[in-house]
Amino acid sequence: MKFLGNLIWLLFGGIVTSIEYLISSLLLMVTIIGIPFGLQTLKLALLALWPFGSKVTDNGNSGGCLRLIMNIIWIFLGGIWICLTHLGFGLLLCITIIGIPFGRQHFKMAALALAPFGKNIQ
């Protein structure tokens, strides 16, 4: 079922979303300051490519205070808008019974988009 869900996800927007995150990641990595943020959008690109069966886990206390500061900067630089977009799509998809699994994947991406520093995708 995970393979079928991922295949449907890819056909109906997963590839486009992943490419958009990949392009934004490359644009962020042009500058030295943008490299950490570009790495976080790469996480989102990977999750957007194959969300069913993927888990977002916390690193624990790796990074400490720096992780908190980077997440706050991320939120102000656009993370809140990415999160709200995924929440909106998730709510829209959850209106129908068929869309609930896909809406849940958007909710997973929204949580990662809000605070990606200190998170891993498995």
PDB file of N, CA and C in Angstrom:
ATOM      1  N   MET A   1       0.820  -1.204   0.000  1.00  0.00           N
ATOM      2  CA  MET A   1       0.000   0.000   0.000  1.00  0.00           C
ATOM      3  C   MET A   1       0.860   1.262   0.000  1.00  0.00           C
ATOM      4  N   LYS A   2       2.023   1.201   0.678  1.00  0.00           N
ATOM      5  CA  LYS A   2       2.891   2.375   0.716  1.00  0.00           C
ATOM      6  C   LYS A   2       3.387   2.714  -0.680  1.00  0.00           C
ATOM      7  N   PHE A   3       3.736   1.676  -1.449  1.00  0.00           N
ATOM      8  CA  PHE A   3       4.231   1.914  -2.802  1.00  0.00           C
ATOM      9  C   PHE A   3       3.136   2.532  -3.669  1.00  0.00           C
ATOM     10  N   LEU A   4       1.919   2.012  -3.572  1.00  0.00           N
ATOM     11  CA  LEU A   4       0.808   2.555  -4.350  1.00  0.00           C
ATOM     12  C   LEU A   4       0.499   3.991  -3.931  1.00  0.00           C
ATOM     13  N   GLY A   5       0.509   4.260  -2.627  1.00  0.00           N
ATOM     14  CA  GLY A   5       0.274   5.621  -2.139  1.00  0.00           C
ATOM     15  C   GLY A   5       1.337   6.585  -2.634  1.00  0.00           C
ATOM     16  N   ASN A   6       2.607   6.150  -2.611  1.00  0.00           N
ATOM     17  CA  ASN A   6       3.692   7.002  -3.099  1.00  0.00           C
ATOM     18  C   ASN A   6       3.589   7.224  -4.604  1.00  0.00           C
ATOM     19  N   LEU A   7       3.175   6.204  -5.336  1.00  0.00           N
ATOM     20  CA  LEU A   7       3.026   6.342  -6.779  1.00  0.00           C
ATOM     21  C   LEU A   7       1.923   7.347  -7.120  1.00  0.00           C
ATOM     22  N   ILE A   8       0.794   7.239  -6.445  1.00  0.00           N
ATOM     23  CA  ILE A   8      -0.298   8.202  -6.659  1.00  0.00           C
ATOM     24  C   ILE A   8       0.150   9.601  -6.242  1.00  0.00           C
ATOM     25  N   TRP A   9       0.871   9.690  -5.119  1.00  0.00           N
ATOM     26  CA  TRP A   9       1.392  10.972  -4.637  1.00  0.00           C
ATOM     27  C   TRP A   9       2.287  11.619  -5.694  1.00  0.00           C
ATOM     28  N   LEU A  10       3.196  10.828  -6.277  1.00  0.00           N
ATOM     29  CA  LEU A  10       4.116  11.346  -7.291  1.00  0.00           C
ATOM     30  C   LEU A  10       3.369  11.847  -8.520  1.00  0.00           C
ATOM     31  N   LEU A  11       2.378  11.090  -8.944  1.00  0.00           N
ATOM     32  CA  LEU A  11       1.646  11.463 -10.158  1.00  0.00           C
ATOM     33  C   LEU A  11       0.816  12.723  -9.979  1.00  0.00           C
ATOM     34  N   PHE A  12       0.296  12.947  -8.780  1.00  0.00           N
ATOM     35  CA  PHE A  12      -0.584  14.085  -8.540  1.00  0.00           C
ATOM     36  C   PHE A  12       0.088  15.206  -7.755  1.00  0.00           C
ATOM     37  N   GLY A  13       1.348  15.467  -8.024  1.00  0.00           N
ATOM     38  CA  GLY A  13       1.986  16.651  -7.476  1.00  0.00           C
ATOM     39  C   GLY A  13       3.241  16.434  -6.675  1.00  0.00           C
ATOM     40  N   GLY A  14       3.568  15.214  -6.325  1.00  0.00           N
ATOM     41  CA  GLY A  14       4.753  14.968  -5.514  1.00  0.00           C
ATOM     42  C   GLY A  14       6.043  15.315  -6.231  1.00  0.00           C
ATOM     43  N   ILE A  15       6.109  14.998  -7.522  1.00  0.00           N
ATOM     44  CA  ILE A  15       7.315  15.309  -8.292  1.00  0.00           C
ATOM     45  C   ILE A  15       7.493  16.810  -8.416  1.00  0.00           C
ATOM     46  N   VAL A  16       6.417  17.508  -8.721  1.00  0.00           N
ATOM     47  CA  VAL A  16       6.483  18.970  -8.878  1.00  0.00           C
ATOM     48  C   VAL A  16       6.891  19.631  -7.567  1.00  0.00           C
ATOM     49  N   THR A  17       6.295  19.192  -6.468  1.00  0.00           N
ATOM     50  CA  THR A  17       6.632  19.759  -5.155  1.00  0.00           C
ATOM     51  C   THR A  17       8.087  19.500  -4.809  1.00  0.00           C
ATOM     52  N   SER A  18       8.547  18.290  -5.060  1.00  0.00           N
ATOM     53  CA  SER A  18       9.933  17.951  -4.773  1.00  0.00           C
ATOM     54  C   SER A  18      10.902  18.779  -5.618  1.00  0.00           C
ATOM     55  N   ILE A  19      10.594  18.966  -6.885  1.00  0.00           N
ATOM     56  CA  ILE A  19      11.447  19.782  -7.759  1.00  0.00           C
ATOM     57  C   ILE A  19      11.470  21.232  -7.284  1.00  0.00           C
ATOM     58  N   GLU A  20      10.322  21.752  -6.847  1.00  0.00           N
ATOM     59  CA  GLU A  20      10.280  23.128  -6.331  1.00  0.00           C
ATOM     60  C   GLU A  20      11.168  23.269  -5.098  1.00  0.00           C
ATOM     61  N   TYR A  21      11.097  22.296  -4.185  1.00  0.00           N
ATOM     62  CA  TYR A  21      11.958  22.349  -3.006  1.00  0.00           C
ATOM     63  C   TYR A  21      13.424  22.211  -3.392  1.00  0.00           C
ATOM     64  N   LEU A  22      13.715  21.388  -4.375  1.00  0.00           N
ATOM     65  CA  LEU A  22      15.093  21.209  -4.821  1.00  0.00           C
ATOM     66  C   LEU A  22      15.650  22.495  -5.436  1.00  0.00           C
ATOM     67  N   ILE A  23      14.849  23.167  -6.260  1.00  0.00           N
ATOM     68  CA  ILE A  23      15.287  24.433  -6.866  1.00  0.00           C
ATOM     69  C   ILE A  23      15.511  25.493  -5.789  1.00  0.00           C
ATOM     70  N   SER A  24      14.578  25.584  -4.828  1.00  0.00           N
ATOM     71  CA  SER A  24      14.759  26.571  -3.765  1.00  0.00           C
ATOM     72  C   SER A  24      15.979  26.234  -2.914  1.00  0.00           C
ATOM     73  N   SER A  25      16.255  24.950  -2.730  1.00  0.00           N
ATOM     74  CA  SER A  25      17.437  24.545  -1.981  1.00  0.00           C
ATOM     75  C   SER A  25      18.706  24.981  -2.692  1.00  0.00           C
ATOM     76  N   LEU A  26      18.757  24.764  -3.994  1.00  0.00           N
ATOM     77  CA  LEU A  26      19.934  25.175  -4.753  1.00  0.00           C
ATOM     78  C   LEU A  26      20.110  26.689  -4.741  1.00  0.00           C
ATOM     79  N   LEU A  27      19.010  27.430  -4.826  1.00  0.00           N
ATOM     80  CA  LEU A  27      19.097  28.890  -4.768  1.00  0.00           C
ATOM     81  C   LEU A  27      19.571  29.369  -3.396  1.00  0.00           C
ATOM     82  N   LEU A  28      19.141  28.699  -2.347  1.00  0.00           N
ATOM     83  CA  LEU A  28      19.593  29.077  -1.006  1.00  0.00           C
ATOM     84  C   LEU A  28      21.065  28.764  -0.797  1.00  0.00           C
ATOM     85  N   MET A  29      21.560  27.715  -1.434  1.00  0.00           N
ATOM     86  CA  MET A  29      22.951  27.313  -1.240  1.00  0.00           C
ATOM     87  C   MET A  29      23.941  28.150  -2.042  1.00  0.00           C
ATOM     88  N   VAL A  30      23.457  29.115  -2.812  1.00  0.00           N
ATOM     89  CA  VAL A  30      24.353  29.980  -3.578  1.00  0.00           C
ATOM     90  C   VAL A  30      25.224  30.806  -2.633  1.00  0.00           C
ATOM     91  N   THR A  31      24.652  31.229  -1.526  1.00  0.00           N
ATOM     92  CA  THR A  31      25.416  32.010  -0.560  1.00  0.00           C
ATOM     93  C   THR A  31      25.846  31.114   0.597  1.00  0.00           C
ATOM     94  N   ILE A  32      26.875  31.492   1.272  1.00  0.00           N
ATOM     95  CA  ILE A  32      27.362  30.717   2.413  1.00  0.00           C
ATOM     96  C   ILE A  32      26.342  30.735   3.551  1.00  0.00           C
ATOM     97  N   ILE A  33      25.697  31.868   3.749  1.00  0.00           N
ATOM     98  CA  ILE A  33      24.717  31.987   4.829  1.00  0.00           C
ATOM     99  C   ILE A  33      23.503  31.101   4.560  1.00  0.00           C
ATOM    100  N   GLY A  34      23.159  30.893   3.300  1.00  0.00           N
ATOM    101  CA  GLY A  34      21.970  30.119   2.950  1.00  0.00           C
ATOM    102  C   GLY A  34      22.163  28.617   2.948  1.00  0.00           C
ATOM    103  N   ILE A  35      23.394  28.134   3.100  1.00  0.00           N
ATOM    104  CA  ILE A  35      23.647  26.693   3.029  1.00  0.00           C
ATOM    105  C   ILE A  35      22.861  25.896   4.079  1.00  0.00           C
ATOM    106  N   PRO A  36      22.831  26.294   5.354  1.00  0.00           N
ATOM    107  CA  PRO A  36      22.047  25.509   6.322  1.00  0.00           C
ATOM    108  C   PRO A  36      20.558  25.470   5.977  1.00  0.00           C
ATOM    109  N   PHE A  37      20.039  26.561   5.452  1.00  0.00           N
ATOM    110  CA  PHE A  37      18.621  26.600   5.074  1.00  0.00           C
ATOM    111  C   PHE A  37      18.376  25.776   3.818  1.00  0.00           C
ATOM    112  N   GLY A  38      19.336  25.768   2.909  1.00  0.00           N
ATOM    113  CA  GLY A  38      19.231  24.934   1.717  1.00  0.00           C
ATOM    114  C   GLY A  38      19.227  23.451   2.069  1.00  0.00           C
ATOM    115  N   LEU A  39      19.996  23.072   3.068  1.00  0.00           N
ATOM    116  CA  LEU A  39      20.003  21.674   3.503  1.00  0.00           C
ATOM    117  C   LEU A  39      18.648  21.273   4.091  1.00  0.00           C
ATOM    118  N   GLN A  40      17.992  22.210   4.757  1.00  0.00           N
ATOM    119  CA  GLN A  40      16.678  21.902   5.333  1.00  0.00           C
ATOM    120  C   GLN A  40      15.619  21.748   4.237  1.00  0.00           C
ATOM    121  N   THR A  41      15.725  22.555   3.172  1.00  0.00           N
ATOM    122  CA  THR A  41      14.761  22.377   2.083  1.00  0.00           C
ATOM    123  C   THR A  41      15.035  21.086   1.318  1.00  0.00           C
ATOM    124  N   LEU A  42      16.269  20.587   1.365  1.00  0.00           N
ATOM    125  CA  LEU A  42      16.537  19.268   0.789  1.00  0.00           C
ATOM    126  C   LEU A  42      15.785  18.182   1.556  1.00  0.00           C
ATOM    127  N   LYS A  43      15.680  18.336   2.882  1.00  0.00           N
ATOM    128  CA  LYS A  43      14.878  17.394   3.676  1.00  0.00           C
ATOM    129  C   LYS A  43      13.432  17.396   3.206  1.00  0.00           C
ATOM    130  N   LEU A  44      12.902  18.602   2.988  1.00  0.00           N
ATOM    131  CA  LEU A  44      11.525  18.707   2.520  1.00  0.00           C
ATOM    132  C   LEU A  44      11.367  18.107   1.128  1.00  0.00           C
ATOM    133  N   ALA A  45      12.381  18.277   0.276  1.00  0.00           N
ATOM    134  CA  ALA A  45      12.327  17.699  -1.079  1.00  0.00           C
ATOM    135  C   ALA A  45      12.297  16.176  -1.005  1.00  0.00           C
ATOM    136  N   LEU A  46      13.096  15.586  -0.120  1.00  0.00           N
ATOM    137  CA  LEU A  46      13.097  14.131   0.025  1.00  0.00           C
ATOM    138  C   LEU A  46      11.764  13.618   0.557  1.00  0.00           C
ATOM    139  N   LEU A  47      11.211  14.323   1.515  1.00  0.00           N
ATOM    140  CA  LEU A  47       9.925  13.905   2.070  1.00  0.00           C
ATOM    141  C   LEU A  47       8.809  14.091   1.052  1.00  0.00           C
ATOM    142  N   ALA A  48       8.889  15.137   0.243  1.00  0.00           N
ATOM    143  CA  ALA A  48       7.864  15.372  -0.778  1.00  0.00           C
ATOM    144  C   ALA A  48       7.949  14.342  -1.894  1.00  0.00           C
ATOM    145  N   LEU A  49       9.093  13.719  -2.057  1.00  0.00           N
ATOM    146  CA  LEU A  49       9.259  12.736  -3.120  1.00  0.00           C
ATOM    147  C   LEU A  49       8.679  11.371  -2.736  1.00  0.00           C
ATOM    148  N   TRP A  50       8.805  10.980  -1.481  1.00  0.00           N
ATOM    149  CA  TRP A  50       8.389   9.642  -1.056  1.00  0.00           C
ATOM    150  C   TRP A  50       7.865   9.694   0.377  1.00  0.00           C
ATOM    151  N   PRO A  51       6.671  10.274   0.626  1.00  0.00           N
ATOM    152  CA  PRO A  51       6.223  10.504   2.007  1.00  0.00           C
ATOM    153  C   PRO A  51       5.644   9.281   2.716  1.00  0.00           C
ATOM    154  N   PHE A  52       4.989   8.383   1.976  1.00  0.00           N
ATOM    155  CA  PHE A  52       4.379   7.231   2.636  1.00  0.00           C
ATOM    156  C   PHE A  52       5.477   6.276   3.101  1.00  0.00           C
ATOM    157  N   GLY A  53       5.470   5.933   4.368  1.00  0.00           N
ATOM    158  CA  GLY A  53       6.479   5.057   4.938  1.00  0.00           C
ATOM    159  C   GLY A  53       7.660   5.804   5.519  1.00  0.00           C
ATOM    160  N   SER A  54       7.752   7.101   5.273  1.00  0.00           N
ATOM    161  CA  SER A  54       8.833   7.911   5.844  1.00  0.00           C
ATOM    162  C   SER A  54       8.409   8.426   7.210  1.00  0.00           C
ATOM    163  N   LYS A  55       9.377   8.503   8.115  1.00  0.00           N
ATOM    164  CA  LYS A  55       9.110   9.035   9.447  1.00  0.00           C
ATOM    165  C   LYS A  55      10.041  10.204   9.708  1.00  0.00           C
ATOM    166  N   VAL A  56       9.519  11.225  10.357  1.00  0.00           N
ATOM    167  CA  VAL A  56      10.324  12.372  10.781  1.00  0.00           C
ATOM    168  C   VAL A  56      10.631  12.170  12.258  1.00  0.00           C
ATOM    169  N   THR A  57      11.926  12.088  12.571  1.00  0.00           N
ATOM    170  CA  THR A  57      12.336  11.862  13.947  1.00  0.00           C
ATOM    171  C   THR A  57      13.167  13.035  14.443  1.00  0.00           C
ATOM    172  N   ASP A  58      13.209  13.189  15.747  1.00  0.00           N
ATOM    173  CA  ASP A  58      13.966  14.258  16.382  1.00  0.00           C
ATOM    174  C   ASP A  58      15.363  13.761  16.717  1.00  0.00           C
ATOM    175  N   ASN A  59      16.372  14.616  16.544  1.00  0.00           N
ATOM    176  CA  ASN A  59      17.752  14.262  16.864  1.00  0.00           C
ATOM    177  C   ASN A  59      18.019  14.240  18.361  1.00  0.00           C
ATOM    178  N   GLY A  60      17.113  14.732  19.147  1.00  0.00           N
ATOM    179  CA  GLY A  60      17.364  14.873  20.580  1.00  0.00           C
ATOM    180  C   GLY A  60      17.900  16.263  20.865  1.00  0.00           C
ATOM    181  N   ASN A  61      18.994  16.367  21.583  1.00  0.00           N
ATOM    182  CA  ASN A  61      19.561  17.662  21.936  1.00  0.00           C
ATOM    183  C   ASN A  61      20.705  18.078  21.031  1.00  0.00           C
ATOM    184  N   SER A  62      20.822  17.488  19.854  1.00  0.00           N
ATOM    185  CA  SER A  62      21.918  17.881  18.968  1.00  0.00           C
ATOM    186  C   SER A  62      21.713  19.312  18.495  1.00  0.00           C
ATOM    187  N   GLY A  63      22.710  20.127  18.623  1.00  0.00           N
ATOM    188  CA  GLY A  63      22.615  21.516  18.192  1.00  0.00           C
ATOM    189  C   GLY A  63      22.262  22.467  19.311  1.00  0.00           C
ATOM    190  N   GLY A  64      21.529  22.024  20.303  1.00  0.00           N
ATOM    191  CA  GLY A  64      21.190  22.846  21.456  1.00  0.00           C
ATOM    192  C   GLY A  64      20.538  24.165  21.107  1.00  0.00           C
ATOM    193  N   CYS A  65      21.133  25.233  21.595  1.00  0.00           N
ATOM    194  CA  CYS A  65      20.590  26.577  21.418  1.00  0.00           C
ATOM    195  C   CYS A  65      20.645  27.015  19.951  1.00  0.00           C
ATOM    196  N   LEU A  66      21.653  26.577  19.233  1.00  0.00           N
ATOM    197  CA  LEU A  66      21.786  26.946  17.826  1.00  0.00           C
ATOM    198  C   LEU A  66      20.613  26.412  17.013  1.00  0.00           C
ATOM    199  N   ARG A  67      20.166  25.199  17.331  1.00  0.00           N
ATOM    200  CA  ARG A  67      19.011  24.619  16.637  1.00  0.00           C
ATOM    201  C   ARG A  67      17.770  25.473  16.850  1.00  0.00           C
ATOM    202  N   LEU A  68      17.561  25.953  18.059  1.00  0.00           N
ATOM    203  CA  LEU A  68      16.411  26.805  18.365  1.00  0.00           C
ATOM    204  C   LEU A  68      16.493  28.118  17.599  1.00  0.00           C
ATOM    205  N   ILE A  69      17.653  28.735  17.594  1.00  0.00           N
ATOM    206  CA  ILE A  69      17.829  30.007  16.882  1.00  0.00           C
ATOM    207  C   ILE A  69      17.611  29.830  15.386  1.00  0.00           C
ATOM    208  N   MET A  70      18.164  28.758  14.816  1.00  0.00           N
ATOM    209  CA  MET A  70      18.003  28.519  13.378  1.00  0.00           C
ATOM    210  C   MET A  70      16.546  28.238  13.020  1.00  0.00           C
ATOM    211  N   ASN A  71      15.819  27.519  13.878  1.00  0.00           N
ATOM    212  CA  ASN A  71      14.397  27.268  13.622  1.00  0.00           C
ATOM    213  C   ASN A  71      13.592  28.564  13.679  1.00  0.00           C
ATOM    214  N   ILE A  72      13.939  29.460  14.601  1.00  0.00           N
ATOM    215  CA  ILE A  72      13.237  30.749  14.686  1.00  0.00           C
ATOM    216  C   ILE A  72      13.506  31.582  13.438  1.00  0.00           C
ATOM    217  N   ILE A  73      14.762  31.619  12.985  1.00  0.00           N
ATOM    218  CA  ILE A  73      15.086  32.341  11.745  1.00  0.00           C
ATOM    219  C   ILE A  73      14.344  31.717  10.572  1.00  0.00           C
ATOM    220  N   TRP A  74      14.310  30.382  10.530  1.00  0.00           N
ATOM    221  CA  TRP A  74      13.607  29.662   9.460  1.00  0.00           C
ATOM    222  C   TRP A  74      12.130  30.054   9.416  1.00  0.00           C
ATOM    223  N   ILE A  75      11.493  30.114  10.579  1.00  0.00           N
ATOM    224  CA  ILE A  75      10.067  30.458  10.634  1.00  0.00           C
ATOM    225  C   ILE A  75       9.834  31.847  10.054  1.00  0.00           C
ATOM    226  N   PHE A  76      10.682  32.807  10.416  1.00  0.00           N
ATOM    227  CA  PHE A  76      10.497  34.170   9.923  1.00  0.00           C
ATOM    228  C   PHE A  76      10.858  34.329   8.457  1.00  0.00           C
ATOM    229  N   LEU A  77      11.748  33.494   7.944  1.00  0.00           N
ATOM    230  CA  LEU A  77      12.156  33.613   6.540  1.00  0.00           C
ATOM    231  C   LEU A  77      11.236  32.883   5.577  1.00  0.00           C
ATOM    232  N   GLY A  78      10.217  32.225   6.056  1.00  0.00           N
ATOM    233  CA  GLY A  78       9.278  31.585   5.145  1.00  0.00           C
ATOM    234  C   GLY A  78       8.752  30.249   5.604  1.00  0.00           C
ATOM    235  N   GLY A  79       9.284  29.708   6.677  1.00  0.00           N
ATOM    236  CA  GLY A  79       8.823  28.413   7.151  1.00  0.00           C
ATOM    237  C   GLY A  79       7.359  28.414   7.551  1.00  0.00           C
ATOM    238  N   ILE A  80       6.886  29.526   8.082  1.00  0.00           N
ATOM    239  CA  ILE A  80       5.477  29.609   8.483  1.00  0.00           C
ATOM    240  C   ILE A  80       4.564  29.506   7.270  1.00  0.00           C
ATOM    241  N   TRP A  81       4.977  30.088   6.148  1.00  0.00           N
ATOM    242  CA  TRP A  81       4.142  30.047   4.947  1.00  0.00           C
ATOM    243  C   TRP A  81       4.146  28.656   4.319  1.00  0.00           C
ATOM    244  N   ILE A  82       5.286  27.994   4.363  1.00  0.00           N
ATOM    245  CA  ILE A  82       5.357  26.616   3.868  1.00  0.00           C
ATOM    246  C   ILE A  82       4.465  25.723   4.731  1.00  0.00           C
ATOM    247  N   CYS A  83       4.541  25.905   6.043  1.00  0.00           N
ATOM    248  CA  CYS A  83       3.729  25.130   6.968  1.00  0.00           C
ATOM    249  C   CYS A  83       2.237  25.369   6.730  1.00  0.00           C
ATOM    250  N   LEU A  84       1.848  26.625   6.591  1.00  0.00           N
ATOM    251  CA  LEU A  84       0.433  26.939   6.364  1.00  0.00           C
ATOM    252  C   LEU A  84      -0.065  26.383   5.038  1.00  0.00           C
ATOM    253  N   THR A  85       0.783  26.368   4.020  1.00  0.00           N
ATOM    254  CA  THR A  85       0.399  25.798   2.734  1.00  0.00           C
ATOM    255  C   THR A  85       0.130  24.302   2.871  1.00  0.00           C
ATOM    256  N   HIS A  86       1.019  23.594   3.547  1.00  0.00           N
ATOM    257  CA  HIS A  86       0.808  22.150   3.738  1.00  0.00           C
ATOM    258  C   HIS A  86      -0.398  21.878   4.630  1.00  0.00           C
ATOM    259  N   LEU A  87      -0.629  22.711   5.633  1.00  0.00           N
ATOM    260  CA  LEU A  87      -1.827  22.552   6.463  1.00  0.00           C
ATOM    261  C   LEU A  87      -3.095  22.761   5.653  1.00  0.00           C
ATOM    262  N   GLY A  88      -3.096  23.770   4.787  1.00  0.00           N
ATOM    263  CA  GLY A  88      -4.253  24.027   3.938  1.00  0.00           C
ATOM    264  C   GLY A  88      -4.537  22.869   2.998  1.00  0.00           C
ATOM    265  N   PHE A  89      -3.506  22.357   2.340  1.00  0.00           N
ATOM    266  CA  PHE A  89      -3.700  21.215   1.452  1.00  0.00           C
ATOM    267  C   PHE A  89      -4.134  19.980   2.237  1.00  0.00           C
ATOM    268  N   GLY A  90      -3.580  19.803   3.433  1.00  0.00           N
ATOM    269  CA  GLY A  90      -3.975  18.673   4.264  1.00  0.00           C
ATOM    270  C   GLY A  90      -5.435  18.742   4.654  1.00  0.00           C
ATOM    271  N   LEU A  91      -5.900  19.908   5.061  1.00  0.00           N
ATOM    272  CA  LEU A  91      -7.316  20.066   5.415  1.00  0.00           C
ATOM    273  C   LEU A  91      -8.217  19.871   4.204  1.00  0.00           C
ATOM    274  N   LEU A  92      -7.799  20.403   3.072  1.00  0.00           N
ATOM    275  CA  LEU A  92      -8.579  20.257   1.838  1.00  0.00           C
ATOM    276  C   LEU A  92      -8.691  18.788   1.436  1.00  0.00           C
ATOM    277  N   LEU A  93      -7.604  18.047   1.550  1.00  0.00           N
ATOM    278  CA  LEU A  93      -7.639  16.629   1.186  1.00  0.00           C
ATOM    279  C   LEU A  93      -8.412  15.787   2.183  1.00  0.00           C
ATOM    280  N   CYS A  94      -8.426  16.193   3.444  1.00  0.00           N
ATOM    281  CA  CYS A  94      -9.130  15.410   4.465  1.00  0.00           C
ATOM    282  C   CYS A  94     -10.643  15.585   4.413  1.00  0.00           C
ATOM    283  N   ILE A  95     -11.135  16.446   3.549  1.00  0.00           N
ATOM    284  CA  ILE A  95     -12.589  16.602   3.404  1.00  0.00           C
ATOM    285  C   ILE A  95     -13.205  15.308   2.891  1.00  0.00           C
ATOM    286  N   THR A  96     -12.509  14.624   1.987  1.00  0.00           N
ATOM    287  CA  THR A  96     -13.021  13.361   1.457  1.00  0.00           C
ATOM    288  C   THR A  96     -12.324  12.198   2.149  1.00  0.00           C
ATOM    289  N   ILE A  97     -12.975  11.079   2.185  1.00  0.00           N
ATOM    290  CA  ILE A  97     -12.398   9.892   2.830  1.00  0.00           C
ATOM    291  C   ILE A  97     -11.192   9.403   2.036  1.00  0.00           C
ATOM    292  N   ILE A  98     -11.267   9.480   0.724  1.00  0.00           N
ATOM    293  CA  ILE A  98     -10.166   9.006  -0.114  1.00  0.00           C
ATOM    294  C   ILE A  98      -8.919   9.861   0.085  1.00  0.00           C
ATOM    295  N   GLY A  99      -9.077  11.144   0.370  1.00  0.00           N
ATOM    296  CA  GLY A  99      -7.942  12.045   0.504  1.00  0.00           C
ATOM    297  C   GLY A  99      -7.277  12.062   1.856  1.00  0.00           C
ATOM    298  N   ILE A 100      -7.851  11.372   2.849  1.00  0.00           N
ATOM    299  CA  ILE A 100      -7.305  11.417   4.210  1.00  0.00           C
ATOM    300  C   ILE A 100      -5.851  10.947   4.277  1.00  0.00           C
ATOM    301  N   PRO A 101      -5.460   9.829   3.641  1.00  0.00           N
ATOM    302  CA  PRO A 101      -4.040   9.446   3.728  1.00  0.00           C
ATOM    303  C   PRO A 101      -3.100  10.493   3.139  1.00  0.00           C
ATOM    304  N   PHE A 102      -3.546  11.155   2.086  1.00  0.00           N
ATOM    305  CA  PHE A 102      -2.713  12.180   1.464  1.00  0.00           C
ATOM    306  C   PHE A 102      -2.691  13.454   2.313  1.00  0.00           C
ATOM    307  N   GLY A 103      -3.793  13.759   2.960  1.00  0.00           N
ATOM    308  CA  GLY A 103      -3.829  14.885   3.881  1.00  0.00           C
ATOM    309  C   GLY A 103      -2.907  14.666   5.069  1.00  0.00           C
ATOM    310  N   ARG A 104      -2.838  13.437   5.556  1.00  0.00           N
ATOM    311  CA  ARG A 104      -1.942  13.123   6.677  1.00  0.00           C
ATOM    312  C   ARG A 104      -0.479  13.330   6.287  1.00  0.00           C
ATOM    313  N   GLN A 105      -0.155  13.051   5.033  1.00  0.00           N
ATOM    314  CA  GLN A 105       1.223  13.266   4.577  1.00  0.00           C
ATOM    315  C   GLN A 105       1.541  14.760   4.533  1.00  0.00           C
ATOM    316  N   HIS A 106       0.554  15.567   4.144  1.00  0.00           N
ATOM    317  CA  HIS A 106       0.757  17.020   4.168  1.00  0.00           C
ATOM    318  C   HIS A 106       0.934  17.516   5.596  1.00  0.00           C
ATOM    319  N   PHE A 107       0.210  16.938   6.541  1.00  0.00           N
ATOM    320  CA  PHE A 107       0.388  17.327   7.944  1.00  0.00           C
ATOM    321  C   PHE A 107       1.796  16.972   8.429  1.00  0.00           C
ATOM    322  N   LYS A 108       2.318  15.828   7.986  1.00  0.00           N
ATOM    323  CA  LYS A 108       3.682  15.439   8.344  1.00  0.00           C
ATOM    324  C   LYS A 108       4.680  16.439   7.764  1.00  0.00           C
ATOM    325  N   MET A 109       4.441  16.859   6.524  1.00  0.00           N
ATOM    326  CA  MET A 109       5.335  17.832   5.897  1.00  0.00           C
ATOM    327  C   MET A 109       5.204  19.204   6.558  1.00  0.00           C
ATOM    328  N   ALA A 110       4.008  19.554   7.032  1.00  0.00           N
ATOM    329  CA  ALA A 110       3.810  20.830   7.712  1.00  0.00           C
ATOM    330  C   ALA A 110       4.606  20.881   9.015  1.00  0.00           C
ATOM    331  N   ALA A 111       4.631  19.771   9.740  1.00  0.00           N
ATOM    332  CA  ALA A 111       5.396  19.730  10.988  1.00  0.00           C
ATOM    333  C   ALA A 111       6.886  19.889  10.714  1.00  0.00           C
ATOM    334  N   LEU A 112       7.371  19.260   9.648  1.00  0.00           N
ATOM    335  CA  LEU A 112       8.779  19.404   9.301  1.00  0.00           C
ATOM    336  C   LEU A 112       9.071  20.804   8.784  1.00  0.00           C
ATOM    337  N   ALA A 113       8.131  21.380   8.031  1.00  0.00           N
ATOM    338  CA  ALA A 113       8.344  22.718   7.466  1.00  0.00           C
ATOM    339  C   ALA A 113       8.369  23.799   8.545  1.00  0.00           C
ATOM    340  N   LEU A 114       7.738  23.564   9.672  1.00  0.00           N
ATOM    341  CA  LEU A 114       7.711  24.571  10.728  1.00  0.00           C
ATOM    342  C   LEU A 114       9.036  24.647  11.480  1.00  0.00           C
ATOM    343  N   ALA A 115       9.650  23.510  11.746  1.00  0.00           N
ATOM    344  CA  ALA A 115      10.921  23.498  12.474  1.00  0.00           C
ATOM    345  C   ALA A 115      11.784  22.342  11.969  1.00  0.00           C
ATOM    346  N   PRO A 116      12.500  22.529  10.844  1.00  0.00           N
ATOM    347  CA  PRO A 116      13.260  21.415  10.265  1.00  0.00           C
ATOM    348  C   PRO A 116      14.620  21.149  10.905  1.00  0.00           C
ATOM    349  N   PHE A 117      15.191  22.133  11.580  1.00  0.00           N
ATOM    350  CA  PHE A 117      16.506  21.929  12.186  1.00  0.00           C
ATOM    351  C   PHE A 117      16.388  20.952  13.355  1.00  0.00           C
ATOM    352  N   GLY A 118      17.260  19.963  13.365  1.00  0.00           N
ATOM    353  CA  GLY A 118      17.242  18.959  14.416  1.00  0.00           C
ATOM    354  C   GLY A 118      16.345  17.791  14.122  1.00  0.00           C
ATOM    355  N   LYS A 119      15.834  17.668  12.888  1.00  0.00           N
ATOM    356  CA  LYS A 119      14.957  16.566  12.507  1.00  0.00           C
ATOM    357  C   LYS A 119      15.646  15.710  11.440  1.00  0.00           C
ATOM    358  N   ASN A 120      15.333  14.428  11.454  1.00  0.00           N
ATOM    359  CA  ASN A 120      15.820  13.476  10.454  1.00  0.00           C
ATOM    360  C   ASN A 120      14.639  12.811   9.784  1.00  0.00           C
ATOM    361  N   ILE A 121      14.839  12.373   8.556  1.00  0.00           N
ATOM    362  CA  ILE A 121      13.821  11.614   7.831  1.00  0.00           C
ATOM    363  C   ILE A 121      14.324  10.186   7.707  1.00  0.00           C
ATOM    364  N   GLN A 122      13.500   9.250   8.129  1.00  0.00           N
ATOM    365  CA  GLN A 122      13.862   7.825   8.033  1.00  0.00           C
ATOM    366  C   GLN A 122      12.885   7.108   7.163  1.00  0.00           C
TER     367      GLN A 122
END
